PDB file of N, CA and C in Angstrom:
ATOM      1  N   MET A   1       1.003  -1.196   0.132  1.00  0.00           N
ATOM      2  CA  MET A   1       0.079   0.178  -0.040  1.00  0.00           C
ATOM      3  C   MET A   1       0.612   1.313   0.191  1.00  0.00           C
ATOM      4  N   ASP A   2       0.660   2.351  -0.877  1.00  0.00           N
ATOM      5  CA  ASP A   2       1.032   3.859  -0.529  1.00  0.00           C
ATOM      6  C   ASP A   2       0.171   4.569  -0.154  1.00  0.00           C
ATOM      7  N   ILE A   3       1.517   5.068   0.623  1.00  0.00           N
ATOM      8  CA  ILE A   3       0.576   6.719   1.341  1.00  0.00           C
ATOM      9  C   ILE A   3       1.164   7.638   1.456  1.00  0.00           C
ATOM     10  N   ILE A   4       0.651   8.167   1.068  1.00  0.00           N
ATOM     11  CA  ILE A   4       1.083   9.723   0.776  1.00  0.00           C
ATOM     12  C   ILE A   4       0.615  10.798   2.072  1.00  0.00           C
ATOM     13  N   GLU A   5       1.470  11.401   2.571  1.00  0.00           N
ATOM     14  CA  GLU A   5       1.287  12.886   3.663  1.00  0.00           C
ATOM     15  C   GLU A   5       1.156  13.877   3.468  1.00  0.00           C
ATOM     16  N   THR A   6       0.211  14.390   2.701  1.00  0.00           N
ATOM     17  CA  THR A   6       0.402  16.066   2.597  1.00  0.00           C
ATOM     18  C   THR A   6       0.103  17.314   3.791  1.00  0.00           C
ATOM     19  N   LYS A   7       0.905  18.033   4.141  1.00  0.00           N
ATOM     20  CA  LYS A   7       0.646  18.958   5.011  1.00  0.00           C
ATOM     21  C   LYS A   7       0.385  19.974   4.821  1.00  0.00           C
ATOM     22  N   HIS A   8      -0.440  20.665   5.530  1.00  0.00           N
ATOM     23  CA  HIS A   8      -0.617  21.656   5.433  1.00  0.00           C
ATOM     24  C   HIS A   8      -0.973  22.737   6.238  1.00  0.00           C
ATOM     25  N   ASP A   9      -1.435  24.126   6.202  1.00  0.00           N
ATOM     26  CA  ASP A   9      -1.239  25.179   7.672  1.00  0.00           C
ATOM     27  C   ASP A   9      -1.720  24.492   8.598  1.00  0.00           C
ATOM     28  N   THR A  10      -2.759  24.155   8.666  1.00  0.00           N
ATOM     29  CA  THR A  10      -4.090  23.744   9.620  1.00  0.00           C
ATOM     30  C   THR A  10      -3.935  22.400   9.817  1.00  0.00           C
ATOM     31  N   TYR A  11      -3.536  21.029   8.700  1.00  0.00           N
ATOM     32  CA  TYR A  11      -4.228  20.102   8.552  1.00  0.00           C
ATOM     33  C   TYR A  11      -3.108  19.440   7.437  1.00  0.00           C
ATOM     34  N   SER A  12      -3.784  17.994   7.614  1.00  0.00           N
ATOM     35  CA  SER A  12      -2.747  17.122   7.138  1.00  0.00           C
ATOM     36  C   SER A  12      -3.560  16.129   6.506  1.00  0.00           C
ATOM     37  N   VAL A  13      -3.119  15.213   5.459  1.00  0.00           N
ATOM     38  CA  VAL A  13      -3.878  14.630   4.499  1.00  0.00           C
ATOM     39  C   VAL A  13      -3.510  13.352   3.994  1.00  0.00           C
ATOM     40  N   PHE A  14      -3.554  12.657   4.339  1.00  0.00           N
ATOM     41  CA  PHE A  14      -2.951  10.828   4.244  1.00  0.00           C
ATOM     42  C   PHE A  14      -3.863  10.241   2.510  1.00  0.00           C
ATOM     43  N   LYS A  15      -3.040  10.164   1.868  1.00  0.00           N
ATOM     44  CA  LYS A  15      -3.777   9.818   0.455  1.00  0.00           C
ATOM     45  C   LYS A  15      -3.341   8.367   0.526  1.00  0.00           C
ATOM     46  N   LEU A  16      -4.411   7.274   0.552  1.00  0.00           N
ATOM     47  CA  LEU A  16      -4.527   5.798   0.575  1.00  0.00           C
ATOM     48  C   LEU A  16      -4.156   5.239  -0.893  1.00  0.00           C
ATOM     49  N   LYS A  17      -3.057   4.277  -1.237  1.00  0.00           N
ATOM     50  CA  LYS A  17      -3.676   3.461  -2.850  1.00  0.00           C
ATOM     51  C   LYS A  17      -2.941   1.933  -2.346  1.00  0.00           C
ATOM     52  N   GLY A  18      -3.898   1.401  -2.717  1.00  0.00           N
ATOM     53  CA  GLY A  18      -3.982   0.325  -2.546  1.00  0.00           C
ATOM     54  C   GLY A  18      -4.831  -0.509  -1.559  1.00  0.00           C
ATOM     55  N   ARG A  19      -4.666  -1.416  -0.673  1.00  0.00           N
ATOM     56  CA  ARG A  19      -5.043  -2.437   0.113  1.00  0.00           C
ATOM     57  C   ARG A  19      -4.733  -2.018   1.823  1.00  0.00           C
ATOM     58  N   LEU A  20      -5.725  -1.438   2.858  1.00  0.00           N
ATOM     59  CA  LEU A  20      -5.458  -1.623   4.044  1.00  0.00           C
ATOM     60  C   LEU A  20      -5.785  -2.917   4.444  1.00  0.00           C
ATOM     61  N   ASP A  21      -4.709  -3.467   5.272  1.00  0.00           N
ATOM     62  CA  ASP A  21      -5.589  -4.951   5.794  1.00  0.00           C
ATOM     63  C   ASP A  21      -4.148  -5.276   6.713  1.00  0.00           C
ATOM     64  N   SER A  22      -4.076  -6.530   7.379  1.00  0.00           N
ATOM     65  CA  SER A  22      -2.952  -6.935   8.344  1.00  0.00           C
ATOM     66  C   SER A  22      -1.893  -6.751   8.452  1.00  0.00           C
ATOM     67  N   ASN A  23      -1.507  -6.780   6.424  1.00  0.00           N
ATOM     68  CA  ASN A  23      -0.168  -6.762   6.440  1.00  0.00           C
ATOM     69  C   ASN A  23       0.132  -5.369   6.090  1.00  0.00           C
ATOM     70  N   THR A  24      -0.572  -4.299   6.343  1.00  0.00           N
ATOM     71  CA  THR A  24      -0.240  -3.143   5.949  1.00  0.00           C
ATOM     72  C   THR A  24      -0.960  -2.130   6.996  1.00  0.00           C
ATOM     73  N   SER A  25      -1.771  -2.354   7.705  1.00  0.00           N
ATOM     74  CA  SER A  25      -1.880  -1.670   8.857  1.00  0.00           C
ATOM     75  C   SER A  25      -0.784  -0.918  10.094  1.00  0.00           C
ATOM     76  N   THR A  26       0.092  -2.158  10.031  1.00  0.00           N
ATOM     77  CA  THR A  26       0.906  -1.724  10.953  1.00  0.00           C
ATOM     78  C   THR A  26       1.717  -0.241  10.179  1.00  0.00           C
ATOM     79  N   GLY A  27       2.291  -0.436   8.878  1.00  0.00           N
ATOM     80  CA  GLY A  27       3.061   0.973   8.583  1.00  0.00           C
ATOM     81  C   GLY A  27       2.226   2.182   9.119  1.00  0.00           C
ATOM     82  N   PHE A  28       0.752   2.146   8.026  1.00  0.00           N
ATOM     83  CA  PHE A  28      -0.173   2.902   8.443  1.00  0.00           C
ATOM     84  C   PHE A  28      -0.475   3.556   9.577  1.00  0.00           C
ATOM     85  N   GLU A  29      -0.805   2.809  10.746  1.00  0.00           N
ATOM     86  CA  GLU A  29      -0.623   3.204  11.876  1.00  0.00           C
ATOM     87  C   GLU A  29       0.880   4.150  12.649  1.00  0.00           C
ATOM     88  N   GLN A  30       1.727   3.475  11.974  1.00  0.00           N
ATOM     89  CA  GLN A  30       2.734   4.604  12.332  1.00  0.00           C
ATOM     90  C   GLN A  30       3.078   5.476  11.774  1.00  0.00           C
ATOM     91  N   LYS A  31       2.565   5.639  10.618  1.00  0.00           N
ATOM     92  CA  LYS A  31       2.911   6.686   9.715  1.00  0.00           C
ATOM     93  C   LYS A  31       2.020   7.892  10.381  1.00  0.00           C
ATOM     94  N   LEU A  32       0.661   7.398  10.739  1.00  0.00           N
ATOM     95  CA  LEU A  32      -0.381   8.352  11.339  1.00  0.00           C
ATOM     96  C   LEU A  32      -0.029   8.694  12.675  1.00  0.00           C
ATOM     97  N   PHE A  33       0.784   7.542  13.598  1.00  0.00           N
ATOM     98  CA  PHE A  33       0.981   8.317  14.970  1.00  0.00           C
ATOM     99  C   PHE A  33       1.890   9.240  14.851  1.00  0.00           C
ATOM    100  N   GLU A  34       3.208   8.807  14.047  1.00  0.00           N
ATOM    101  CA  GLU A  34       4.373  10.002  13.957  1.00  0.00           C
ATOM    102  C   GLU A  34       3.540  11.101  13.793  1.00  0.00           C
ATOM    103  N   SER A  35       2.433  11.612  12.757  1.00  0.00           N
ATOM    104  CA  SER A  35       2.008  12.758  12.345  1.00  0.00           C
ATOM    105  C   SER A  35       1.314  13.289  14.116  1.00  0.00           C
ATOM    106  N   ILE A  36       0.566  12.483  14.722  1.00  0.00           N
ATOM    107  CA  ILE A  36      -0.497  12.789  15.436  1.00  0.00           C
ATOM    108  C   ILE A  36       0.829  13.211  16.287  1.00  0.00           C
ATOM    109  N   ASP A  37       2.026  12.475  17.065  1.00  0.00           N
ATOM    110  CA  ASP A  37       2.918  12.765  17.714  1.00  0.00           C
ATOM    111  C   ASP A  37       3.658  13.955  17.654  1.00  0.00           C
ATOM    112  N   SER A  38       3.527  14.320  16.706  1.00  0.00           N
ATOM    113  CA  SER A  38       4.567  15.710  16.170  1.00  0.00           C
ATOM    114  C   SER A  38       3.919  16.857  16.402  1.00  0.00           C
ATOM    115  N   GLY A  39       2.202  16.599  16.733  1.00  0.00           N
ATOM    116  CA  GLY A  39       1.248  17.559  16.688  1.00  0.00           C
ATOM    117  C   GLY A  39       0.801  17.935  15.988  1.00  0.00           C
ATOM    118  N   ALA A  40      -0.075  17.057  14.933  1.00  0.00           N
ATOM    119  CA  ALA A  40      -1.219  17.055  14.026  1.00  0.00           C
ATOM    120  C   ALA A  40      -2.241  16.882  14.683  1.00  0.00           C
ATOM    121  N   ARG A  41      -3.353  17.863  14.578  1.00  0.00           N
ATOM    122  CA  ARG A  41      -4.811  17.581  15.283  1.00  0.00           C
ATOM    123  C   ARG A  41      -5.975  17.483  14.403  1.00  0.00           C
ATOM    124  N   LYS A  42      -5.581  18.001  12.839  1.00  0.00           N
ATOM    125  CA  LYS A  42      -6.873  17.633  11.923  1.00  0.00           C
ATOM    126  C   LYS A  42      -6.322  17.463  11.212  1.00  0.00           C
ATOM    127  N   LEU A  43      -6.782  15.951  11.076  1.00  0.00           N
ATOM    128  CA  LEU A  43      -6.563  14.879   9.815  1.00  0.00           C
ATOM    129  C   LEU A  43      -7.245  14.623   8.537  1.00  0.00           C
ATOM    130  N   ILE A  44      -7.230  14.100   7.422  1.00  0.00           N
ATOM    131  CA  ILE A  44      -8.057  13.516   6.265  1.00  0.00           C
ATOM    132  C   ILE A  44      -7.532  12.686   6.094  1.00  0.00           C
ATOM    133  N   ILE A  45      -8.145  11.642   5.932  1.00  0.00           N
ATOM    134  CA  ILE A  45      -7.903  10.415   5.061  1.00  0.00           C
ATOM    135  C   ILE A  45      -8.560  10.107   3.580  1.00  0.00           C
ATOM    136  N   ASP A  46      -7.727  10.043   2.570  1.00  0.00           N
ATOM    137  CA  ASP A  46      -8.583  10.356   1.426  1.00  0.00           C
ATOM    138  C   ASP A  46      -8.055   8.348   0.812  1.00  0.00           C
ATOM    139  N   PHE A  47      -9.426   8.370   0.679  1.00  0.00           N
ATOM    140  CA  PHE A  47      -9.597   6.928   0.166  1.00  0.00           C
ATOM    141  C   PHE A  47      -9.806   6.707  -1.147  1.00  0.00           C
ATOM    142  N   GLU A  48      -9.737   7.698  -1.574  1.00  0.00           N
ATOM    143  CA  GLU A  48     -10.166   7.738  -3.479  1.00  0.00           C
ATOM    144  C   GLU A  48      -9.324   6.278  -3.853  1.00  0.00           C
ATOM    145  N   GLY A  49      -8.045   6.007  -3.685  1.00  0.00           N
ATOM    146  CA  GLY A  49      -7.455   5.048  -4.404  1.00  0.00           C
ATOM    147  C   GLY A  49      -7.288   3.769  -3.450  1.00  0.00           C
ATOM    148  N   LEU A  50      -7.839   3.448  -2.733  1.00  0.00           N
ATOM    149  CA  LEU A  50      -8.163   2.328  -1.840  1.00  0.00           C
ATOM    150  C   LEU A  50      -9.162   1.399  -2.127  1.00  0.00           C
ATOM    151  N   ASP A  51      -8.543  -0.073  -2.480  1.00  0.00           N
ATOM    152  CA  ASP A  51      -8.836  -0.741  -3.180  1.00  0.00           C
ATOM    153  C   ASP A  51      -9.846  -1.550  -2.257  1.00  0.00           C
ATOM    154  N   TYR A  52      -9.352  -1.513  -0.866  1.00  0.00           N
ATOM    155  CA  TYR A  52      -9.737  -2.794   0.487  1.00  0.00           C
ATOM    156  C   TYR A  52      -9.244  -2.368   1.612  1.00  0.00           C
ATOM    157  N   ILE A  53     -10.316  -2.299   2.385  1.00  0.00           N
ATOM    158  CA  ILE A  53     -10.005  -2.575   4.268  1.00  0.00           C
ATOM    159  C   ILE A  53     -11.149  -3.650   4.737  1.00  0.00           C
ATOM    160  N   SER A  54      -9.505  -3.839   5.576  1.00  0.00           N
ATOM    161  CA  SER A  54     -10.004  -5.097   6.756  1.00  0.00           C
ATOM    162  C   SER A  54     -10.126  -4.764   7.744  1.00  0.00           C
ATOM    163  N   SER A  55     -10.992  -5.262   8.753  1.00  0.00           N
ATOM    164  CA  SER A  55     -10.947  -4.922  10.077  1.00  0.00           C
ATOM    165  C   SER A  55      -9.761  -4.691  10.982  1.00  0.00           C
ATOM    166  N   ALA A  56      -8.571  -5.041  10.516  1.00  0.00           N
ATOM    167  CA  ALA A  56      -7.217  -4.250  11.227  1.00  0.00           C
ATOM    168  C   ALA A  56      -6.966  -3.025  10.531  1.00  0.00           C
ATOM    169  N   GLY A  57      -7.591  -2.538   9.596  1.00  0.00           N
ATOM    170  CA  GLY A  57      -7.177  -0.879   8.900  1.00  0.00           C
ATOM    171  C   GLY A  57      -8.659  -0.167   9.544  1.00  0.00           C
ATOM    172  N   LEU A  58      -9.519  -0.511   9.954  1.00  0.00           N
ATOM    173  CA  LEU A  58     -10.488  -0.489  10.877  1.00  0.00           C
ATOM    174  C   LEU A  58      -9.707  -0.354  12.127  1.00  0.00           C
ATOM    175  N   ARG A  59      -9.344  -1.208  12.353  1.00  0.00           N
ATOM    176  CA  ARG A  59      -8.727  -1.162  13.689  1.00  0.00           C
ATOM    177  C   ARG A  59      -7.606   0.299  14.043  1.00  0.00           C
ATOM    178  N   VAL A  60      -7.094   0.564  13.055  1.00  0.00           N
ATOM    179  CA  VAL A  60      -5.847   1.906  13.307  1.00  0.00           C
ATOM    180  C   VAL A  60      -6.665   2.707  13.468  1.00  0.00           C
ATOM    181  N   ILE A  61      -7.951   2.884  12.453  1.00  0.00           N
ATOM    182  CA  ILE A  61      -8.738   4.536  12.286  1.00  0.00           C
ATOM    183  C   ILE A  61      -9.433   4.841  13.497  1.00  0.00           C
ATOM    184  N   LEU A  62      -9.932   3.577  14.550  1.00  0.00           N
ATOM    185  CA  LEU A  62     -10.613   3.783  15.449  1.00  0.00           C
ATOM    186  C   LEU A  62      -9.706   4.421  16.501  1.00  0.00           C
ATOM    187  N   LYS A  63      -8.702   3.532  16.807  1.00  0.00           N
ATOM    188  CA  LYS A  63      -7.265   3.960  17.470  1.00  0.00           C
ATOM    189  C   LYS A  63      -7.215   5.891  17.047  1.00  0.00           C
ATOM    190  N   ALA A  64      -7.144   5.846  15.936  1.00  0.00           N
ATOM    191  CA  ALA A  64      -6.762   7.371  16.006  1.00  0.00           C
ATOM    192  C   ALA A  64      -7.508   8.065  16.320  1.00  0.00           C
ATOM    193  N   THR A  65      -8.939   7.889  15.669  1.00  0.00           N
ATOM    194  CA  THR A  65      -9.759   8.986  15.934  1.00  0.00           C
ATOM    195  C   THR A  65     -10.259   8.878  17.805  1.00  0.00           C
ATOM    196  N   LYS A  66     -10.059   7.999  18.219  1.00  0.00           N
ATOM    197  CA  LYS A  66      -9.724   8.070  20.027  1.00  0.00           C
ATOM    198  C   LYS A  66      -8.209   8.734  20.373  1.00  0.00           C
ATOM    199  N   ASN A  67      -7.444   8.542  19.619  1.00  0.00           N
ATOM    200  CA  ASN A  67      -6.724   9.198  20.456  1.00  0.00           C
ATOM    201  C   ASN A  67      -6.595  11.222  20.262  1.00  0.00           C
ATOM    202  N   LEU A  68      -7.185  11.114  18.984  1.00  0.00           N
ATOM    203  CA  LEU A  68      -7.167  12.681  18.721  1.00  0.00           C
ATOM    204  C   LEU A  68      -8.523  13.496  19.224  1.00  0.00           C
ATOM    205  N   LYS A  69      -9.817  12.623  19.958  1.00  0.00           N
ATOM    206  CA  LYS A  69     -10.632  13.063  20.743  1.00  0.00           C
ATOM    207  C   LYS A  69      -9.750  13.348  22.070  1.00  0.00           C
ATOM    208  N   THR A  70      -8.824  12.768  22.732  1.00  0.00           N
ATOM    209  CA  THR A  70      -8.387  13.437  23.703  1.00  0.00           C
ATOM    210  C   THR A  70      -7.537  14.833  24.118  1.00  0.00           C
ATOM    211  N   SER A  71      -7.158  15.161  22.390  1.00  0.00           N
ATOM    212  CA  SER A  71      -6.400  16.147  22.252  1.00  0.00           C
ATOM    213  C   SER A  71      -7.094  17.170  21.165  1.00  0.00           C
ATOM    214  N   GLU A  72      -8.720  17.091  21.543  1.00  0.00           N
ATOM    215  CA  GLU A  72      -9.908  17.830  20.658  1.00  0.00           C
ATOM    216  C   GLU A  72      -9.200  17.773  19.191  1.00  0.00           C
ATOM    217  N   GLY A  73      -8.333  17.191  18.944  1.00  0.00           N
ATOM    218  CA  GLY A  73      -8.495  16.768  17.285  1.00  0.00           C
ATOM    219  C   GLY A  73      -9.568  16.031  16.783  1.00  0.00           C
ATOM    220  N   LYS A  74      -9.360  16.733  15.620  1.00  0.00           N
ATOM    221  CA  LYS A  74     -10.726  15.544  14.474  1.00  0.00           C
ATOM    222  C   LYS A  74      -9.997  15.192  13.435  1.00  0.00           C
ATOM    223  N   LEU A  75     -10.878  13.771  12.829  1.00  0.00           N
ATOM    224  CA  LEU A  75     -10.061  13.206  11.918  1.00  0.00           C
ATOM    225  C   LEU A  75     -11.535  12.939  10.921  1.00  0.00           C
ATOM    226  N   VAL A  76     -11.328  13.183   9.573  1.00  0.00           N
ATOM    227  CA  VAL A  76     -12.537  13.056   8.447  1.00  0.00           C
ATOM    228  C   VAL A  76     -11.982  12.135   7.334  1.00  0.00           C
ATOM    229  N   LEU A  77     -12.450  11.419   7.108  1.00  0.00           N
ATOM    230  CA  LEU A  77     -12.766  10.252   5.977  1.00  0.00           C
ATOM    231  C   LEU A  77     -13.442  10.692   4.794  1.00  0.00           C
ATOM    232  N   CYS A  78     -12.608  10.970   3.750  1.00  0.00           N
ATOM    233  CA  CYS A  78     -13.094  11.268   2.125  1.00  0.00           C
ATOM    234  C   CYS A  78     -13.477  10.056   0.899  1.00  0.00           C
ATOM    235  N   ALA A  79     -13.539  10.153  -0.194  1.00  0.00           N
ATOM    236  CA  ALA A  79     -13.724  10.253  -1.569  1.00  0.00           C
ATOM    237  C   ALA A  79     -13.542   8.476  -1.287  1.00  0.00           C
ATOM    238  N   MET A  80     -14.448   7.941  -0.530  1.00  0.00           N
ATOM    239  CA  MET A  80     -14.356   5.847  -0.509  1.00  0.00           C
ATOM    240  C   MET A  80     -14.909   5.852  -1.424  1.00  0.00           C
ATOM    241  N   GLN A  81     -14.684   4.607  -2.046  1.00  0.00           N
ATOM    242  CA  GLN A  81     -15.470   4.040  -3.268  1.00  0.00           C
ATOM    243  C   GLN A  81     -16.526   3.145  -2.510  1.00  0.00           C
ATOM    244  N   ASP A  82     -17.893   2.818  -3.187  1.00  0.00           N
ATOM    245  CA  ASP A  82     -18.892   2.158  -2.374  1.00  0.00           C
ATOM    246  C   ASP A  82     -18.594   0.923  -1.625  1.00  0.00           C
ATOM    247  N   TYR A  83     -17.908   0.505  -2.223  1.00  0.00           N
ATOM    248  CA  TYR A  83     -17.791  -1.044  -1.497  1.00  0.00           C
ATOM    249  C   TYR A  83     -16.608  -0.740  -0.184  1.00  0.00           C
ATOM    250  N   VAL A  84     -15.593   0.151  -0.025  1.00  0.00           N
ATOM    251  CA  VAL A  84     -15.107   0.466   1.112  1.00  0.00           C
ATOM    252  C   VAL A  84     -16.031   1.256   2.064  1.00  0.00           C
ATOM    253  N   LYS A  85     -16.975   2.045   1.558  1.00  0.00           N
ATOM    254  CA  LYS A  85     -17.552   3.035   2.303  1.00  0.00           C
ATOM    255  C   LYS A  85     -18.961   1.682   3.146  1.00  0.00           C
ATOM    256  N   GLU A  86     -19.406   0.751   2.685  1.00  0.00           N
ATOM    257  CA  GLU A  86     -19.752  -0.115   3.182  1.00  0.00           C
ATOM    258  C   GLU A  86     -19.193  -0.789   3.729  1.00  0.00           C
ATOM    259  N   VAL A  87     -18.518  -0.923   4.333  1.00  0.00           N
ATOM    260  CA  VAL A  87     -17.730  -1.732   5.462  1.00  0.00           C
ATOM    261  C   VAL A  87     -17.864  -0.622   6.701  1.00  0.00           C
ATOM    262  N   PHE A  88     -17.447   0.717   6.271  1.00  0.00           N
ATOM    263  CA  PHE A  88     -17.515   1.872   7.209  1.00  0.00           C
ATOM    264  C   PHE A  88     -18.925   1.744   7.939  1.00  0.00           C
ATOM    265  N   GLU A  89     -20.380   1.748   6.792  1.00  0.00           N
ATOM    266  CA  GLU A  89     -21.608   1.593   7.109  1.00  0.00           C
ATOM    267  C   GLU A  89     -21.810   0.347   8.101  1.00  0.00           C
ATOM    268  N   ILE A  90     -21.983  -1.061   7.710  1.00  0.00           N
ATOM    269  CA  ILE A  90     -21.902  -2.015   8.228  1.00  0.00           C
ATOM    270  C   ILE A  90     -21.314  -2.416   9.725  1.00  0.00           C
ATOM    271  N   SER A  91     -20.029  -1.620   9.749  1.00  0.00           N
ATOM    272  CA  SER A  91     -19.429  -1.477  11.229  1.00  0.00           C
ATOM    273  C   SER A  91     -19.816  -0.923  12.154  1.00  0.00           C
ATOM    274  N   GLY A  92     -20.570   0.257  11.396  1.00  0.00           N
ATOM    275  CA  GLY A  92     -21.105   1.460  12.213  1.00  0.00           C
ATOM    276  C   GLY A  92     -20.361   2.599  12.548  1.00  0.00           C
ATOM    277  N   PHE A  93     -19.155   2.556  11.775  1.00  0.00           N
ATOM    278  CA  PHE A  93     -18.344   3.559  12.004  1.00  0.00           C
ATOM    279  C   PHE A  93     -18.218   4.747  11.445  1.00  0.00           C
ATOM    280  N   ASP A  94     -19.393   4.901  10.517  1.00  0.00           N
ATOM    281  CA  ASP A  94     -19.888   6.001  10.198  1.00  0.00           C
ATOM    282  C   ASP A  94     -21.032   6.595  11.096  1.00  0.00           C
ATOM    283  N   SER A  95     -21.204   6.151  11.871  1.00  0.00           N
ATOM    284  CA  SER A  95     -22.447   6.610  12.943  1.00  0.00           C
ATOM    285  C   SER A  95     -21.371   7.784  13.884  1.00  0.00           C
ATOM    286  N   PHE A  96     -19.774   7.773  13.823  1.00  0.00           N
ATOM    287  CA  PHE A  96     -19.288   8.523  14.644  1.00  0.00           C
ATOM    288  C   PHE A  96     -18.066   9.498  14.203  1.00  0.00           C
ATOM    289  N   LEU A  97     -17.459   8.959  12.778  1.00  0.00           N
ATOM    290  CA  LEU A  97     -16.522   9.522  11.410  1.00  0.00           C
ATOM    291  C   LEU A  97     -17.364  10.230  10.583  1.00  0.00           C
ATOM    292  N   PRO A  98     -17.061  11.288  10.154  1.00  0.00           N
ATOM    293  CA  PRO A  98     -17.366  12.067   9.328  1.00  0.00           C
ATOM    294  C   PRO A  98     -17.035  11.630   7.960  1.00  0.00           C
ATOM    295  N   ILE A  99     -17.320  11.181   6.637  1.00  0.00           N
ATOM    296  CA  ILE A  99     -17.636  10.797   5.846  1.00  0.00           C
ATOM    297  C   ILE A  99     -17.694  11.438   4.540  1.00  0.00           C
ATOM    298  N   GLU A 100     -17.049  12.119   3.856  1.00  0.00           N
ATOM    299  CA  GLU A 100     -17.236  13.411   2.669  1.00  0.00           C
ATOM    300  C   GLU A 100     -16.614  12.731   1.528  1.00  0.00           C
ATOM    301  N   PRO A 101     -17.056  13.155   0.737  1.00  0.00           N
ATOM    302  CA  PRO A 101     -17.319  12.984  -0.987  1.00  0.00           C
ATOM    303  C   PRO A 101     -15.909  13.087  -1.516  1.00  0.00           C
ATOM    304  N   SER A 102     -15.194  14.234  -1.055  1.00  0.00           N
ATOM    305  CA  SER A 102     -13.911  14.700  -1.669  1.00  0.00           C
ATOM    306  C   SER A 102     -12.927  15.485  -0.444  1.00  0.00           C
ATOM    307  N   VAL A 103     -11.519  15.141  -0.680  1.00  0.00           N
ATOM    308  CA  VAL A 103     -10.946  16.078   0.117  1.00  0.00           C
ATOM    309  C   VAL A 103     -10.993  17.543   0.553  1.00  0.00           C
ATOM    310  N   GLU A 104     -11.819  18.626  -1.015  1.00  0.00           N
ATOM    311  CA  GLU A 104     -12.325  20.012  -0.303  1.00  0.00           C
ATOM    312  C   GLU A 104     -12.849  19.889   0.836  1.00  0.00           C
ATOM    313  N   ALA A 105     -14.329  18.948   0.664  1.00  0.00           N
ATOM    314  CA  ALA A 105     -15.529  19.154   1.347  1.00  0.00           C
ATOM    315  C   ALA A 105     -15.233  18.408   2.640  1.00  0.00           C
ATOM    316  N   ALA A 106     -13.916  17.350   3.104  1.00  0.00           N
ATOM    317  CA  ALA A 106     -13.951  16.996   4.074  1.00  0.00           C
ATOM    318  C   ALA A 106     -12.590  18.223   4.797  1.00  0.00           C
ATOM    319  N   VAL A 107     -12.505  19.162   4.029  1.00  0.00           N
ATOM    320  CA  VAL A 107     -11.309  20.285   4.533  1.00  0.00           C
ATOM    321  C   VAL A 107     -12.450  21.274   5.167  1.00  0.00           C
ATOM    322  N   HIS A 108     -13.609  21.320   4.572  1.00  0.00           N
ATOM    323  CA  HIS A 108     -15.016  22.055   5.122  1.00  0.00           C
ATOM    324  C   HIS A 108     -15.775  21.542   6.487  1.00  0.00           C
ATOM    325  N   ARG A 109     -15.069  20.747   6.361  1.00  0.00           N
ATOM    326  CA  ARG A 109     -15.588  19.787   7.636  1.00  0.00           C
ATOM    327  C   ARG A 109     -14.437  19.658   8.846  1.00  0.00           C
ATOM    328  N   LEU A 110     -13.841  20.283   8.652  1.00  0.00           N
ATOM    329  CA  LEU A 110     -12.857  20.008  10.209  1.00  0.00           C
ATOM    330  C   LEU A 110     -12.877  21.461  10.789  1.00  0.00           C
TER     331      LEU A 110
END
């Protein structure tokens, strides 16, 4: 899986490409928490290039959400393929995580 982090003045965007599963979730978690540990409080995860997400990927997102909540940060997800969005809906993650159609919409949600 490819992870491209783009830092902006007040937020960071993580663009994912490939599969977020048990083989790749550790690397993604490490990159995400490096950003959080260095002070990032507003994060966007761009799922446009993501083909698949497993429970291991969901766990990383849940862990980041809880971490950011304690420091008054925010995580917004965006640009999901229908089959990836369905995983979030079935798991109930869409009830507490904002999901936007584009990065631009996600920025406004922050």
